[in-house]
Amino acid sequence: MTMFQLQEIMRDAVITGFATGGPILLVSIGVGLIIAVFQAATSINEQTLTFVPKIVVMALMLILFGSFMLQQLADFTVRIFRIMAEMTG
C-alpha cells in the first residue's frame, strides 16, 4: 500500500464521517443556540430545557436522513473491502 492510497482512504473516511454526522450535529447546535437565546431573553435558567428539544430534533433528523447516512456508511464499507481485496491479489 502506497502513501497515496493511504491518504485517499483517510480522506474518504473523514468525508464519510462529516457526511454522516455533520447534519445532525449542525441541527443540534442550531437548536441549542435558539434555546440559549430564548433562555437568555426570558431569564429561564433551567438546565434540562435544552435536552428534550435536541433529542426530538435529532430523532427527526435520523428519521429523515437515516437512510442517506446508512447508504454513505455502506458505500464506504464496500470501498474499503474492495481495496482490501485488490491488495491481496
Protein backbone atom coordinates (compact mmCIF):
# COMPACT_ATOMS: atom_id res chain seq x y z
CA MET A 1 0.00 0.00 0.00
CA THR A 2 1.43 3.32 -1.01
CA MET A 3 1.23 6.55 0.93
CA PHE A 4 -1.12 7.96 -1.71
CA GLN A 5 -3.57 5.08 -1.27
CA LEU A 6 -3.49 5.51 2.48
CA GLN A 7 -4.14 9.25 2.13
CA GLU A 8 -7.09 8.55 -0.16
CA ILE A 9 -8.58 6.10 2.33
CA MET A 10 -8.18 8.56 5.20
CA ARG A 11 -9.65 11.40 3.14
CA ASP A 12 -12.59 9.21 2.19
CA ALA A 13 -13.09 8.23 5.85
CA VAL A 14 -13.12 11.85 7.00
CA ILE A 15 -15.52 12.93 4.27
CA THR A 16 -17.81 10.00 5.07
CA GLY A 17 -17.71 10.92 8.76
CA PHE A 18 -18.62 14.52 8.02
CA ALA A 19 -21.40 13.46 5.64
CA THR A 20 -22.95 11.10 8.17
CA GLY A 21 -22.51 13.06 11.39
CA GLY A 22 -22.49 16.61 10.13
CA PRO A 23 -26.19 17.23 9.50
CA ILE A 24 -27.28 16.01 12.92
CA LEU A 25 -24.54 17.93 14.70
CA LEU A 26 -25.27 21.17 12.86
CA VAL A 27 -29.00 20.99 13.54
CA SER A 28 -28.35 20.13 17.19
CA ILE A 29 -26.05 23.14 17.52
CA GLY A 30 -28.68 25.35 15.88
CA VAL A 31 -31.43 24.16 18.21
CA GLY A 32 -29.13 24.64 21.21
CA LEU A 33 -28.34 28.18 20.09
CA ILE A 34 -32.01 29.06 19.64
CA ILE A 35 -32.86 27.69 23.07
CA ALA A 36 -29.92 29.52 24.63
CA VAL A 37 -31.13 32.81 23.15
CA PHE A 38 -34.65 32.07 24.40
CA GLN A 39 -33.32 31.31 27.88
CA ALA A 40 -31.25 34.49 27.93
CA ALA A 41 -34.20 36.59 26.78
CA THR A 42 -36.62 35.15 29.33
CA SER A 43 -34.14 34.64 32.19
CA ILE A 44 -35.10 30.98 32.46
CA ASN A 45 -32.09 29.08 33.79
CA GLU A 46 -33.39 25.54 33.55
CA GLN A 47 -30.56 23.22 32.51
CA THR A 48 -32.81 20.41 31.31
CA LEU A 49 -34.74 22.65 28.90
CA THR A 50 -32.18 22.13 26.14
CA PHE A 51 -32.14 18.34 26.20
CA VAL A 52 -35.70 17.47 25.19
CA PRO A 53 -35.87 19.67 22.06
CA LYS A 54 -32.41 18.50 20.99
CA ILE A 55 -33.36 14.85 21.38
CA VAL A 56 -36.61 15.35 19.47
CA VAL A 57 -34.87 17.21 16.63
CA MET A 58 -32.07 14.64 16.46
CA ALA A 59 -34.64 11.81 16.28
CA LEU A 60 -36.44 13.62 13.45
CA MET A 61 -33.14 14.11 11.64
CA LEU A 62 -32.37 10.41 11.98
CA ILE A 63 -35.79 9.56 10.59
CA LEU A 64 -35.34 11.95 7.66
CA PHE A 65 -31.67 11.35 6.84
CA GLY A 66 -31.06 7.90 8.34
CA SER A 67 -31.27 6.08 5.02
CA PHE A 68 -28.83 8.54 3.43
CA MET A 69 -26.41 8.14 6.32
CA LEU A 70 -26.66 4.36 6.23
CA GLN A 71 -26.08 4.35 2.48
CA GLN A 72 -22.97 6.51 2.90
CA LEU A 73 -21.57 4.13 5.51
CA ALA A 74 -22.40 1.07 3.40
CA ASP A 75 -20.72 2.59 0.34
CA PHE A 76 -17.62 3.39 2.38
CA THR A 77 -17.52 -0.17 3.73
CA VAL A 78 -17.79 -1.61 0.22
CA ARG A 79 -14.95 0.65 -0.97
CA ILE A 80 -12.72 -0.44 1.92
CA PHE A 81 -13.38 -4.13 1.28
CA ARG A 82 -12.76 -3.64 -2.45
CA ILE A 83 -9.39 -2.04 -1.67
CA MET A 84 -8.55 -4.91 0.69
CA ALA A 85 -9.45 -7.46 -2.00
CA GLU A 86 -7.24 -5.66 -4.53
CA MET A 87 -4.31 -5.66 -2.12
CA THR A 88 -4.47 -9.42 -1.55
CA GLY A 89 -4.45 -10.15 -5.23
